[in-house]
Amino acid sequence: MQVTPWDVEGVIDYDRLIEEFGMRPFNEVLEEIENPHILMKRGAIFGHRDYWRIVDAMRKGEAWAVMSGFMPSGLPHFGHKMTMDEIVWHQKAGGKAFVAIADMEAHSVRGLSWEKTREIGLEYIKSIIALGLDSNAVIYFQSKSNHVKDLAFELSAEVNFSELRAIYGFNGETKLAKMFITAVQAADILHPQLQEFGGPKPVVVPVGADQDPHMRLTRDLAARASIFSFEPIEGGLRIRSRKGNEYLKALKELNLETRFYEEHVDVSGSVDEIEREVREVELRLGGFAFIPPSSTYHRFTTGLTGGKMSSSKPESYISLLDSPDEGAKKVMKAFTGGRVTADEQRRLGGEPDKCVVFELYSYHLIENDNELRQIESNCRGGKLLCGKCKKNAAELVRNFLKEHQEKMDEAEDKLEDYTIIGL
């Protein structure tokens, strides 16, 4: 098993990923979420980092945001739709939505021209609008966002080559542009907390597990770029300054019980209240006061021929721009969890947990839980054969693509209603 931001190989063991990457299982927060998305309920979202911050902000009605992005190196497909659906759900749950078109990454890592990244990027924008993104979102091309580029420069001062080599496996042959993109992606994630966008707030980033190295680096950079750091102690927090102990003197203005030491300050009281007041002090000092970003991790969308669905392998995916008939044809050729013969399937039953078609049902095509359970039961019991099941899925895909592309045409007519930086 190999999982990096640019390569995914082998059979993915998600329990092992949670353990090795230091994530938390998503089911530990599921019961706290009102009206969870089907990707949450059905286990497609399997892990998280610090999602409690988002749950808490939802419950209290406080400001928070959702941010994710898409590299326009190939056409949007059902794998990208998972992330789009998560962004839209979080926006409707009360978060401010930020959507990045990662044209700098596509240009530097994939070698696409700026014109091509803009052309493809527009298809991603129309697709997510067609899926329900409201116009109060911030959509932007990386190369055109001065907020992102300026913050990336600031963050690049906090990381060195040895660290990038350890995280990403970079070596002496790695281009500088590819290394700098890691700072740009960290800036993508953190810039919703800039003063221009309302200041520090919890931000959740829905991604696939292959993007977790970016999240680990960004969470570290959020702390390094801020003036104050927090350590839990009994009854409160210990505050240190990453920029010099002279900044600790500013904490005398806190309206909380404080004890000053040479290299730290101990503050007693509610952890939430302490963090809020210390961050307000930092902002007055000109600091960022970043809150470490949260993240959710969804399973990789299985390609039609097995393995991970990938924009670089056209045979592996159904594009959201495929004609309805072409999409239906691809479903009919998809890898299934069926047996070798119909008689064997009737006798032994199918294996929906290994089936691309059943995954399409679970993640994209069927919202009704009872209907999905019936299909699974009939498959496992040998009552439903793959040919009939594929035909049903093909028709659902045909109808979805027809409706989605009609909505994309409508989205093109209302792009002016959206804040789109760089279009």
Protein backbone atom coordinates (compact mmCIF):
# COMPACT_ATOMS: atom_id res chain seq x y z
CA MET A 1 0.00 0.00 0.00
CA GLN A 2 1.37 3.39 -1.07
CA VAL A 3 -0.60 6.57 -0.38
CA THR A 4 0.89 9.97 -1.27
CA PRO A 5 -0.64 13.19 -2.68
CA TRP A 6 0.47 12.16 -6.17
CA ASP A 7 0.36 8.34 -6.16
CA VAL A 8 -1.99 5.72 -4.69
CA GLU A 9 -1.07 2.07 -5.22
CA GLY A 10 -2.05 -1.29 -3.80
CA VAL A 11 -4.97 -2.50 -1.69
CA ILE A 12 -6.01 0.23 0.74
CA ASP A 13 -6.41 -0.77 4.40
CA TYR A 14 -8.34 2.14 5.91
CA ASP A 15 -7.95 0.97 9.53
CA ARG A 16 -4.20 0.88 8.96
CA LEU A 17 -4.31 4.38 7.41
CA ILE A 18 -6.07 5.72 10.50
CA GLU A 19 -3.40 4.20 12.73
CA GLU A 20 -0.34 5.09 10.62
CA PHE A 21 -1.45 8.64 9.76
CA GLY A 22 -2.69 9.40 13.27
CA MET A 23 -6.29 10.11 12.24
CA ARG A 24 -9.39 9.38 14.26
CA PRO A 25 -12.27 7.14 13.09
CA PHE A 26 -15.17 9.25 11.87
CA ASN A 27 -17.82 7.10 13.55
CA GLU A 28 -16.79 8.57 16.91
CA VAL A 29 -18.35 11.91 15.93
CA LEU A 30 -21.18 10.66 13.71
CA GLU A 31 -23.87 10.62 16.41
CA GLU A 32 -23.15 14.26 17.24
CA ILE A 33 -24.00 15.44 13.71
CA GLU A 34 -27.52 16.51 12.87
CA ASN A 35 -28.73 15.10 9.54
CA PRO A 36 -25.36 13.67 8.45
CA HIS A 37 -24.58 13.31 4.75
CA ILE A 38 -25.00 9.83 3.26
CA LEU A 39 -21.22 9.64 2.78
CA MET A 40 -20.93 9.98 6.55
CA LYS A 41 -23.70 7.50 7.36
CA ARG A 42 -22.49 4.87 4.90
CA GLY A 43 -18.86 4.89 5.97
CA ALA A 44 -17.44 6.52 2.85
CA ILE A 45 -16.05 9.20 5.18
CA PHE A 46 -13.94 7.02 7.43
CA GLY A 47 -11.55 9.33 9.31
CA HIS A 48 -11.07 12.84 10.64
CA ARG A 49 -8.75 15.23 12.40
CA ASP A 50 -10.25 17.54 15.00
CA TYR A 51 -13.76 17.49 13.50
CA TRP A 52 -15.03 18.13 17.03
CA ARG A 53 -14.26 21.82 16.44
CA ILE A 54 -16.72 21.87 13.53
CA VAL A 55 -19.40 19.94 15.44
CA ASP A 56 -19.03 22.36 18.34
CA ALA A 57 -19.25 25.43 16.08
CA MET A 58 -22.36 24.01 14.41
CA ARG A 59 -23.98 23.39 17.78
CA LYS A 60 -23.19 26.87 19.11
CA GLY A 61 -24.01 28.71 15.89
CA GLU A 62 -20.49 30.16 15.70
CA ALA A 63 -18.59 31.07 12.53
CA TRP A 64 -16.77 28.28 10.72
CA ALA A 65 -15.79 27.42 7.15
CA VAL A 66 -15.33 24.54 4.74
CA MET A 67 -12.50 24.60 2.21
CA SER A 68 -11.26 22.19 -0.45
CA GLY A 69 -9.97 22.33 -3.98
CA PHE A 70 -9.57 20.61 -7.32
CA MET A 71 -6.54 20.30 -9.57
CA PRO A 72 -7.72 20.97 -13.15
CA SER A 73 -5.49 18.39 -14.80
CA GLY A 74 -8.37 16.32 -16.15
CA LEU A 75 -12.15 16.43 -16.40
CA PRO A 76 -14.25 16.29 -13.21
CA HIS A 77 -15.54 12.80 -12.43
CA PHE A 78 -17.50 10.93 -9.77
CA GLY A 79 -14.44 10.91 -7.48
CA HIS A 80 -14.42 14.70 -7.50
CA LYS A 81 -18.18 14.69 -6.98
CA MET A 82 -17.64 13.18 -3.52
CA THR A 83 -15.63 16.21 -2.44
CA MET A 84 -18.06 18.60 -4.12
CA ASP A 85 -20.98 16.98 -2.30
CA GLU A 86 -19.15 17.34 1.02
CA ILE A 87 -18.42 21.03 0.41
CA VAL A 88 -22.06 21.70 -0.49
CA TRP A 89 -23.35 19.79 2.54
CA HIS A 90 -21.08 21.71 4.91
CA GLN A 91 -22.10 25.01 3.32
CA LYS A 92 -25.78 24.20 3.84
CA ALA A 93 -24.95 23.20 7.44
CA GLY A 94 -23.76 26.76 8.10
CA GLY A 95 -20.14 26.95 6.97
CA LYS A 96 -18.65 29.58 4.69
CA ALA A 97 -17.47 27.72 1.59
CA PHE A 98 -14.09 28.27 -0.12
CA VAL A 99 -13.36 26.40 -3.36
CA ALA A 100 -9.87 26.41 -4.89
CA ILE A 101 -9.04 25.65 -8.49
CA ALA A 102 -5.45 24.47 -8.09
CA ASP A 103 -4.15 25.81 -11.40
CA MET A 104 -0.67 26.50 -10.00
CA GLU A 105 -0.35 22.84 -9.06
CA ALA A 106 -1.69 21.65 -12.43
CA HIS A 107 0.74 23.96 -14.23
CA SER A 108 3.83 23.08 -12.19
CA VAL A 109 3.22 19.39 -11.46
CA ARG A 110 1.28 18.27 -14.56
CA GLY A 111 2.70 20.76 -17.06
CA LEU A 112 -0.64 22.13 -18.28
CA SER A 113 -0.79 25.57 -19.86
CA TRP A 114 -2.51 28.38 -17.96
CA GLU A 115 -5.14 28.54 -20.68
CA LYS A 116 -5.90 24.83 -20.31
CA THR A 117 -6.12 24.99 -16.52
CA ARG A 118 -8.59 27.86 -16.82
CA GLU A 119 -10.68 25.97 -19.38
CA ILE A 120 -10.83 22.80 -17.28
CA GLY A 121 -11.19 24.74 -14.04
CA LEU A 122 -14.37 26.33 -15.33
CA GLU A 123 -15.91 22.87 -15.73
CA TYR A 124 -15.22 22.14 -12.07
CA ILE A 125 -16.81 25.44 -11.08
CA LYS A 126 -19.95 24.79 -13.12
CA SER A 127 -20.14 21.24 -11.75
CA ILE A 128 -20.06 22.22 -8.08
CA ILE A 129 -22.60 24.98 -8.70
CA ALA A 130 -24.81 22.42 -10.45
CA LEU A 131 -24.52 20.21 -7.36
CA GLY A 132 -25.95 22.98 -5.19
CA LEU A 133 -23.16 25.39 -4.14
CA ASP A 134 -24.75 28.68 -3.05
CA SER A 135 -23.51 32.03 -4.33
CA ASN A 136 -22.12 33.15 -0.96
CA ALA A 137 -19.10 30.89 -1.55
CA VAL A 138 -15.62 32.13 -2.45
CA ILE A 139 -14.30 30.41 -5.58
CA TYR A 140 -10.81 31.20 -6.85
CA PHE A 141 -7.94 30.17 -9.09
CA GLN A 142 -4.74 29.88 -7.01
CA SER A 143 -2.71 31.94 -9.49
CA LYS A 144 -5.12 34.88 -9.20
CA SER A 145 -5.54 35.02 -5.42
CA ASN A 146 -3.11 37.48 -3.88
CA HIS A 147 -4.30 36.43 -0.42
CA VAL A 148 -3.20 32.86 -1.10
CA LYS A 149 0.09 33.74 -2.81
CA ASP A 150 1.13 36.26 -0.15
CA LEU A 151 0.29 33.84 2.66
CA ALA A 152 2.16 31.04 0.87
CA PHE A 153 5.29 33.19 0.91
CA GLU A 154 4.88 33.84 4.65
CA LEU A 155 4.37 30.13 5.36
CA SER A 156 7.34 29.07 3.23
CA ALA A 157 9.60 30.75 5.80
CA GLU A 158 8.45 28.20 8.37
CA VAL A 159 9.46 24.99 6.57
CA ASN A 160 12.75 23.62 5.22
CA PHE A 161 13.80 21.04 2.64
CA SER A 162 14.57 18.33 5.21
CA GLU A 163 10.99 18.44 6.43
CA LEU A 164 9.55 18.36 2.92
CA ARG A 165 11.78 15.42 2.09
CA ALA A 166 10.53 13.54 5.16
CA ILE A 167 6.85 14.27 4.42
CA TYR A 168 6.73 13.99 0.63
CA GLY A 169 9.87 12.08 -0.33
CA PHE A 170 11.29 15.03 -2.29
CA ASN A 171 14.89 14.68 -3.45
CA GLY A 172 17.58 16.54 -5.35
CA GLU A 173 15.64 16.09 -8.61
CA THR A 174 12.44 17.70 -7.29
CA LYS A 175 11.64 21.02 -8.95
CA LEU A 176 11.43 24.07 -6.71
CA ALA A 177 7.94 24.84 -8.05
CA LYS A 178 6.64 21.47 -6.84
CA MET A 179 8.09 22.14 -3.39
CA PHE A 180 6.59 25.64 -3.26
CA ILE A 181 3.17 24.23 -4.17
CA THR A 182 3.06 22.64 -0.70
CA ALA A 183 3.14 26.16 0.80
CA VAL A 184 0.45 27.29 -1.65
CA GLN A 185 -1.80 24.42 -0.58
CA ALA A 186 -1.23 25.28 3.08
CA ALA A 187 -2.19 28.86 2.24
CA ASP A 188 -5.35 27.57 0.50
CA ILE A 189 -6.35 25.85 3.73
CA LEU A 190 -5.46 28.68 6.13
CA HIS A 191 -6.48 31.80 4.21
CA PRO A 192 -10.19 31.55 5.19
CA GLN A 193 -8.94 32.59 8.65
CA LEU A 194 -7.38 35.84 7.44
CA GLN A 195 -8.91 39.09 8.70
CA GLU A 196 -10.23 39.81 5.21
CA PHE A 197 -12.48 36.75 5.57
CA GLY A 198 -13.59 37.30 9.15
CA GLY A 199 -10.53 36.21 11.12
CA PRO A 200 -9.67 32.95 12.91
CA LYS A 201 -12.35 30.27 12.81
CA PRO A 202 -12.57 26.49 12.64
CA VAL A 203 -12.12 25.28 9.04
CA VAL A 204 -12.80 21.75 7.81
CA VAL A 205 -11.11 20.37 4.70
CA PRO A 206 -12.83 17.35 3.09
CA VAL A 207 -10.21 15.31 1.20
CA GLY A 208 -9.13 11.84 0.24
CA ALA A 209 -6.60 10.14 2.50
CA ASP A 210 -3.84 10.77 -0.06
CA GLN A 211 -3.99 14.47 0.83
CA ASP A 212 -3.29 13.93 4.54
CA PRO A 213 0.41 14.91 4.27
CA HIS A 214 -0.79 18.39 3.26
CA MET A 215 -3.06 18.48 6.32
CA ARG A 216 -0.29 17.40 8.71
CA LEU A 217 2.08 20.03 7.33
CA THR A 218 -0.60 22.74 7.36
CA ARG A 219 -1.59 22.04 10.97
CA ASP A 220 2.06 22.40 11.96
CA LEU A 221 2.41 25.59 9.93
CA ALA A 222 -0.74 27.04 11.51
CA ALA A 223 1.01 26.80 14.87
CA ARG A 224 4.44 27.95 13.68
CA ALA A 225 3.08 31.02 11.88
CA SER A 226 1.12 32.12 14.95
CA ILE A 227 2.60 33.98 17.89
CA PHE A 228 1.13 31.91 20.72
CA SER A 229 0.88 28.16 21.23
CA PHE A 230 -1.36 26.25 23.63
CA GLU A 231 -0.62 23.30 25.91
CA PRO A 232 -3.30 21.70 28.11
CA ILE A 233 -2.71 21.79 31.87
CA GLU A 234 -4.98 20.97 34.78
CA GLY A 235 -7.68 23.61 34.95
CA GLY A 236 -6.59 25.59 31.90
CA LEU A 237 -3.85 26.14 29.32
CA ARG A 238 -0.15 26.90 29.22
CA ILE A 239 0.70 29.63 26.72
CA ARG A 240 4.09 29.92 25.05
CA SER A 241 5.30 32.34 22.41
CA ARG A 242 6.90 31.01 19.25
CA LYS A 243 8.12 34.47 18.26
CA GLY A 244 9.96 35.47 21.45
CA ASN A 245 9.08 35.58 25.13
CA GLU A 246 8.64 39.36 25.06
CA TYR A 247 5.21 38.76 23.50
CA LEU A 248 4.07 37.05 26.70
CA LYS A 249 3.86 40.43 28.41
CA ALA A 250 0.86 41.28 26.24
CA LEU A 251 -1.11 38.55 28.01
CA LYS A 252 -1.34 40.76 31.10
CA GLU A 253 -4.41 42.29 29.49
CA LEU A 254 -6.31 38.98 29.69
CA ASN A 255 -9.42 39.05 31.86
CA LEU A 256 -8.50 35.66 33.27
CA GLU A 257 -6.46 34.22 36.12
CA THR A 258 -2.85 34.16 34.91
CA ARG A 259 0.50 33.12 36.40
CA PHE A 260 3.60 34.42 34.62
CA TYR A 261 6.86 32.50 34.33
CA GLU A 262 10.05 33.21 32.42
CA GLU A 263 9.12 31.21 29.30
CA HIS A 264 5.37 30.64 29.58
CA VAL A 265 2.12 31.81 31.09
CA ASP A 266 -0.37 29.51 32.82
CA VAL A 267 -3.98 30.57 32.43
CA SER A 268 -6.85 29.08 34.43
CA GLY A 269 -10.43 28.79 33.24
CA SER A 270 -12.45 27.52 30.29
CA VAL A 271 -10.19 26.28 27.48
CA ASP A 272 -12.47 27.79 24.83
CA GLU A 273 -12.51 31.16 26.58
CA ILE A 274 -8.73 31.17 27.05
CA GLU A 275 -8.08 30.34 23.39
CA ARG A 276 -10.52 33.01 22.24
CA GLU A 277 -9.01 35.77 24.41
CA VAL A 278 -5.39 34.85 23.61
CA ARG A 279 -6.16 34.85 19.89
CA GLU A 280 -7.76 38.30 20.24
CA VAL A 281 -4.54 39.53 21.88
CA GLU A 282 -2.48 38.01 19.05
CA LEU A 283 -4.57 39.72 16.40
CA ARG A 284 -3.99 43.06 18.12
CA LEU A 285 -0.25 42.29 17.97
CA GLY A 286 -0.50 41.72 14.21
CA GLY A 287 -0.30 37.93 14.30
CA PHE A 288 -2.38 35.35 12.43
CA ALA A 289 -3.78 33.47 15.46
CA PHE A 290 -4.59 30.49 13.24
CA ILE A 291 -6.76 27.66 14.54
CA PRO A 292 -5.34 24.31 13.36
CA PRO A 293 -7.59 23.18 10.48
CA SER A 294 -9.85 20.15 10.81
CA SER A 295 -10.26 17.53 8.10
CA THR A 296 -12.41 14.62 7.00
CA TYR A 297 -11.16 11.73 4.89
CA HIS A 298 -13.23 9.79 2.39
CA ARG A 299 -12.47 6.48 0.81
CA PHE A 300 -10.96 6.46 -2.65
CA THR A 301 -13.54 6.08 -5.40
CA THR A 302 -12.88 2.76 -7.09
CA GLY A 303 -12.13 2.96 -10.80
CA LEU A 304 -14.42 1.21 -13.23
CA THR A 305 -11.69 -1.33 -13.94
CA GLY A 306 -10.58 -1.63 -10.29
CA GLY A 307 -7.96 0.42 -8.43
CA LYS A 308 -8.36 4.15 -7.72
CA MET A 309 -10.44 6.33 -10.02
CA SER A 310 -7.95 8.76 -11.58
CA SER A 311 -8.15 11.69 -13.99
CA SER A 312 -4.98 10.38 -15.65
CA LYS A 313 -6.73 7.09 -16.54
CA PRO A 314 -9.82 7.89 -18.66
CA GLU A 315 -10.90 4.27 -18.69
CA SER A 316 -11.18 4.32 -14.89
CA TYR A 317 -13.84 7.00 -14.49
CA ILE A 318 -17.19 8.36 -15.55
CA SER A 319 -16.71 12.05 -16.24
CA LEU A 320 -19.42 14.46 -15.19
CA LEU A 321 -19.14 15.72 -18.78
CA ASP A 322 -19.60 12.30 -20.45
CA SER A 323 -22.71 12.08 -22.57
CA PRO A 324 -25.50 10.25 -20.71
CA ASP A 325 -25.26 7.34 -23.15
CA GLU A 326 -21.46 7.13 -22.82
CA GLY A 327 -21.74 7.13 -19.03
CA ALA A 328 -24.29 4.33 -19.18
CA LYS A 329 -22.02 2.28 -21.48
CA LYS A 330 -19.14 2.64 -19.04
CA VAL A 331 -21.29 1.29 -16.21
CA MET A 332 -22.11 -1.79 -18.29
CA LYS A 333 -18.37 -2.50 -18.61
CA ALA A 334 -17.57 -1.89 -14.93
CA PHE A 335 -15.91 -4.39 -12.59
CA THR A 336 -18.43 -6.07 -10.26
CA GLY A 337 -18.50 -8.29 -7.21
CA GLY A 338 -20.34 -11.01 -9.09
CA ARG A 339 -19.35 -14.65 -9.46
CA VAL A 340 -17.94 -16.29 -12.58
CA THR A 341 -21.29 -17.72 -13.72
CA ALA A 342 -24.96 -16.90 -13.12
CA ASP A 343 -25.53 -20.31 -11.52
CA GLU A 344 -22.64 -19.73 -9.13
CA GLN A 345 -24.00 -16.30 -8.24
CA ARG A 346 -27.45 -17.70 -7.51
CA ARG A 347 -25.85 -20.36 -5.29
CA LEU A 348 -23.17 -18.32 -3.49
CA GLY A 349 -24.49 -14.77 -3.85
CA GLY A 350 -22.58 -11.69 -4.94
CA GLU A 351 -20.06 -9.59 -3.03
CA PRO A 352 -21.33 -5.97 -3.07
CA ASP A 353 -18.45 -4.77 -0.90
CA LYS A 354 -16.13 -5.55 -3.84
CA CYS A 355 -18.42 -4.11 -6.50
CA VAL A 356 -17.90 -0.81 -8.35
CA VAL A 357 -21.59 -0.68 -9.28
CA PHE A 358 -22.74 -1.06 -5.67
CA GLU A 359 -20.28 1.67 -4.69
CA LEU A 360 -21.90 3.97 -7.24
CA TYR A 361 -25.26 3.17 -5.67
CA SER A 362 -23.95 3.83 -2.15
CA TYR A 363 -22.03 7.05 -2.76
CA HIS A 364 -23.92 8.72 -5.61
CA LEU A 365 -27.06 7.15 -7.01
CA ILE A 366 -29.38 5.96 -4.22
CA GLU A 367 -30.30 8.15 -1.25
CA ASN A 368 -32.98 5.88 0.22
CA ASP A 369 -31.36 3.58 2.80
CA ASN A 370 -34.08 0.93 2.57
CA GLU A 371 -33.71 0.71 -1.20
CA LEU A 372 -29.95 0.34 -0.88
CA ARG A 373 -30.26 -2.37 1.78
CA GLN A 374 -32.70 -4.29 -0.44
CA ILE A 375 -30.25 -4.24 -3.36
CA GLU A 376 -27.45 -5.44 -1.06
CA SER A 377 -29.63 -8.22 0.37
CA ASN A 378 -30.75 -9.41 -3.06
CA CYS A 379 -27.13 -9.38 -4.28
CA ARG A 380 -25.77 -11.35 -1.33
CA GLY A 381 -28.70 -13.77 -1.53
CA GLY A 382 -28.14 -14.51 -5.21
CA LYS A 383 -31.51 -13.07 -6.24
CA LEU A 384 -30.00 -10.15 -8.17
CA LEU A 385 -27.63 -10.91 -11.05
CA CYS A 386 -25.00 -8.46 -12.28
CA GLY A 387 -26.54 -7.91 -15.70
CA LYS A 388 -29.83 -6.63 -14.30
CA CYS A 389 -28.05 -4.65 -11.58
CA LYS A 390 -25.77 -2.95 -14.12
CA LYS A 391 -28.72 -2.01 -16.33
CA ASN A 392 -30.44 -0.36 -13.39
CA ALA A 393 -27.26 1.53 -12.42
CA ALA A 394 -26.64 2.52 -16.04
CA GLU A 395 -30.09 4.07 -16.27
CA LEU A 396 -29.54 5.98 -13.01
CA VAL A 397 -26.18 7.27 -14.29
CA ARG A 398 -27.77 8.25 -17.61
CA ASN A 399 -30.48 10.23 -15.80
CA PHE A 400 -28.01 11.81 -13.40
CA LEU A 401 -25.66 12.98 -16.17
CA LYS A 402 -28.54 14.39 -18.21
CA GLU A 403 -29.86 16.39 -15.25
CA HIS A 404 -26.40 17.43 -14.06
CA GLN A 405 -25.34 18.75 -17.45
CA GLU A 406 -28.58 20.69 -17.78
CA LYS A 407 -27.81 22.28 -14.41
CA MET A 408 -24.24 23.02 -15.56
CA ASP A 409 -25.68 24.93 -18.53
CA GLU A 410 -27.85 26.89 -16.12
CA ALA A 411 -24.81 27.52 -13.88
CA GLU A 412 -22.90 29.05 -16.80
CA ASP A 413 -25.66 31.67 -17.13
CA LYS A 414 -25.41 32.71 -13.48
CA LEU A 415 -21.63 32.75 -12.89
CA GLU A 416 -21.82 36.51 -12.39
CA ASP A 417 -23.82 35.89 -9.21
CA TYR A 418 -20.78 34.18 -7.65
CA THR A 419 -17.51 35.53 -6.25
CA ILE A 420 -15.00 33.87 -8.62
CA ILE A 421 -11.46 35.21 -8.38
CA GLY A 422 -9.56 34.80 -11.65
CA LEU A 423 -12.35 33.93 -14.04
